[in-house]
Amino acid sequence: MELIKNFIVKDEYTAKRIGSGSLEVLSTPFLSAFMENVGFEIVEKIVDDGYTSVGTYIELKHLKASKVNSNIKVVGKLISRDNKRVRLDIKAYENDKLIGECIHERVIINISDFLKKLL
């Protein structure tokens, strides 16, 4: 299963704006968020009603800077599922040039049971 989604780099996504760096370029935390969003949306397509997934692991390489207003294409692929654990390969591109890649894991959970544990 694969999903492709596009994001535009906004000023509020920059390293300078969020405090993770001093430059007005796409921050690594926001690149990670774009990738995790794609992973979440992939898994949502395979879970039953009453279930969702939570991110548990991400190993990310941010390979190239991107300026404000850049279009970032994120491509996610489901690479394995072992019961409740899902593993995804996700890559990000700007103008077809690889700018980031990650392995992301999510765990499928029962929403009601999960929320009860928080009380």
Protein backbone atom coordinates (compact mmCIF):
# COMPACT_ATOMS: atom_id res chain seq x y z
CA MET A 1 0.00 0.00 0.00
CA GLU A 2 1.32 3.44 -0.95
CA LEU A 3 0.23 7.03 -0.34
CA ILE A 4 1.55 10.24 -1.88
CA LYS A 5 0.80 13.58 -0.26
CA ASN A 6 2.06 17.12 -0.93
CA PHE A 7 2.89 19.78 1.65
CA ILE A 8 3.86 23.42 1.19
CA VAL A 9 6.60 24.76 3.49
CA LYS A 10 5.06 27.62 5.46
CA ASP A 11 6.95 30.18 7.51
CA GLU A 12 5.69 28.58 10.72
CA TYR A 13 7.37 25.29 9.71
CA THR A 14 10.88 26.77 9.63
CA ALA A 15 13.69 25.95 12.00
CA LYS A 16 14.04 29.62 12.92
CA ARG A 17 10.35 29.99 13.77
CA ILE A 18 10.10 26.91 15.99
CA GLY A 19 13.50 27.31 17.62
CA SER A 20 15.24 24.21 16.30
CA GLY A 21 17.74 26.25 14.28
CA SER A 22 18.55 29.76 13.07
CA LEU A 23 17.60 29.49 9.38
CA GLU A 24 14.33 29.99 7.53
CA VAL A 25 14.26 26.47 6.09
CA LEU A 26 12.00 23.48 6.68
CA SER A 27 12.70 22.23 10.17
CA THR A 28 13.42 18.58 10.83
CA PRO A 29 10.52 18.36 13.32
CA PHE A 30 8.08 19.47 10.62
CA LEU A 31 9.59 17.14 8.02
CA SER A 32 9.08 14.38 10.58
CA ALA A 33 5.47 15.51 11.11
CA PHE A 34 4.78 15.41 7.36
CA MET A 35 6.16 11.88 7.19
CA GLU A 36 4.32 10.69 10.27
CA ASN A 37 1.07 12.11 8.87
CA VAL A 38 1.50 10.03 5.71
CA GLY A 39 2.20 6.93 7.81
CA PHE A 40 -0.89 7.59 9.92
CA GLU A 41 -3.09 7.99 6.85
CA ILE A 42 -1.82 4.75 5.34
CA VAL A 43 -2.58 2.77 8.49
CA GLU A 44 -6.02 4.39 8.86
CA LYS A 45 -6.97 2.68 5.59
CA ILE A 46 -6.40 -0.79 7.05
CA VAL A 47 -7.77 -0.54 10.60
CA ASP A 48 -11.29 -1.50 11.68
CA ASP A 49 -13.79 0.93 13.18
CA GLY A 50 -12.93 1.73 16.77
CA TYR A 51 -9.21 1.39 16.10
CA THR A 52 -6.45 3.79 15.13
CA SER A 53 -2.67 3.80 15.33
CA VAL A 54 -0.05 5.61 17.36
CA GLY A 55 3.49 6.34 16.30
CA THR A 56 6.12 4.50 18.32
CA TYR A 57 9.35 4.86 16.34
CA ILE A 58 10.87 7.03 13.66
CA GLU A 59 14.39 6.94 12.26
CA LEU A 60 14.81 9.98 10.03
CA LYS A 61 17.53 11.35 7.78
CA HIS A 62 17.00 14.99 6.74
CA LEU A 63 19.24 15.22 3.68
CA LYS A 64 18.61 18.64 2.11
CA ALA A 65 17.25 22.03 3.17
CA SER A 66 14.03 23.42 1.66
CA LYS A 67 13.01 27.07 1.63
CA VAL A 68 9.63 28.61 2.46
CA ASN A 69 6.97 27.96 -0.21
CA SER A 70 8.71 24.81 -1.44
CA ASN A 71 6.45 21.92 -2.43
CA ILE A 72 7.37 18.74 -0.57
CA LYS A 73 6.07 15.42 -1.92
CA VAL A 74 5.97 12.67 0.67
CA VAL A 75 5.69 9.05 -0.47
CA GLY A 76 4.89 6.40 2.09
CA LYS A 77 4.83 2.63 1.65
CA LEU A 78 3.63 -0.04 4.03
CA ILE A 79 6.47 -2.55 4.19
CA SER A 80 5.31 -4.96 6.89
CA ARG A 81 2.61 -5.76 9.38
CA ASP A 82 3.11 -8.07 12.32
CA ASN A 83 -0.18 -8.32 14.20
CA LYS A 84 -0.58 -4.80 15.67
CA ARG A 85 2.83 -3.42 14.64
CA VAL A 86 3.11 -1.71 11.26
CA ARG A 87 6.37 -0.66 9.59
CA LEU A 88 6.54 2.00 6.86
CA ASP A 89 9.18 3.33 4.50
CA ILE A 90 8.63 7.04 3.85
CA LYS A 91 10.56 9.38 1.58
CA ALA A 92 10.26 13.14 0.98
CA TYR A 93 11.14 14.93 -2.25
CA GLU A 94 11.46 18.50 -3.45
CA ASN A 95 11.36 18.77 -7.25
CA ASP A 96 11.97 15.00 -7.44
CA LYS A 97 15.17 15.33 -5.40
CA LEU A 98 15.27 13.22 -2.23
CA ILE A 99 15.36 15.51 0.84
CA GLY A 100 14.48 13.04 3.57
CA GLU A 101 13.85 9.38 4.30
CA CYS A 102 12.64 7.48 7.30
CA ILE A 103 11.53 4.19 8.73
CA HIS A 104 8.41 4.68 10.80
CA GLU A 105 6.60 2.23 13.05
CA ARG A 106 3.06 2.49 14.32
CA VAL A 107 1.02 0.27 16.64
CA ILE A 108 -2.66 -0.35 16.02
CA ILE A 109 -4.71 0.27 19.15
CA ASN A 110 -8.31 0.04 20.30
CA ILE A 111 -9.27 3.69 20.88
CA SER A 112 -11.56 3.04 23.86
CA ASP A 113 -9.06 0.78 25.66
CA PHE A 114 -6.23 3.22 25.01
CA LEU A 115 -8.15 6.21 26.37
CA LYS A 116 -9.25 4.27 29.48
CA LYS A 117 -5.59 3.72 30.35
CA LEU A 118 -5.03 7.48 30.40
CA LEU A 119 -7.56 8.11 33.18
